[in-house]
């Protein structure tokens, strides 16, 4: 893959100053930021506290599917990553959250999904890290990866100062898919297992029945092949920086066992389990809030314990 050409420019397309929920808290400032690559611009948001001093900065990497920089997609609006960025800023931690290539304001980069692979995401994250490392406003660079972003960030974080996984899978994607599809009728399992096995061996499958096109259409198979290559338990062992693993007990997409697998693979990592937190950082199944309501409530704040754990980890190193 050709190495991305980095061009750092803060775009004053919009500037918003948001007062904290508590008036005693400092304000925060958000500006547009871009990373220019050979295939087009990646668009993001730089969120900073109103603080002239040098500060830590976190690169926040979104999860799988059409999830944008704020943690939202066309089906669900929860503002999980936006909330996280704002809470960090209130404590003096800057952040960059961005639309991955093919998503949101970075959608024009991917004209044909057959050209997209997992390594593109890794390289993009590595280039963001390099960009932030050069900025003398920042004292250290932290990578925070959510869901699929956990694996992307894990691989890219070798040049970062700290790494944080939130709701990150503990197994390779092919194993996860098999586990999820095992809950479907047997005939679905019988059709999908050979496809997954073929892709795992880096061989594309030409004939896919229409009902499976959403998962295994030929145009997405190159991406799946590239994704299946990476095992989080192997990749996390390659990091020589402090690691924090955060997982909610009410996550219906990633289990606490996944977090424990990551922690077992990296014994020096810190593992924190957040009681009643779901996949998008919301406290659910208490006070009448269902798990799925947490996915689609943009006003419900993220778990305070998660935010405090991340802040403590960042400031203690």
Foldseek 3Di string as FASTA:
>chain_A
DDAFDWDKDWDVPDWDWDQDPDNVFFIKIKTKIWTAGPLGIWIKIKIATPDQAAAAEEEEEEADDQQFQQRDDPVAAASLNVLLQRLCRSVGYIYITTGQQCHDPNNSSPPFLLPDALVSLLSVLLSVLVVVVPDRSYPFYEYEAAANRLQSCLQSCQVGAEYEYELYFQFQPLVLVLVVQVVPDPVSSVQVPVQSVCLCVVHADQDDPPVCCVPRNRSNSNHSSRRRVDGLLVSNLPHPHAYEYEYECAEPRGHVVRSVSNCVSPVRYHYDYHYQQYSSQARAPPPPRHRVNSRHDRPGRGDPVVSVVVSVVVVVD
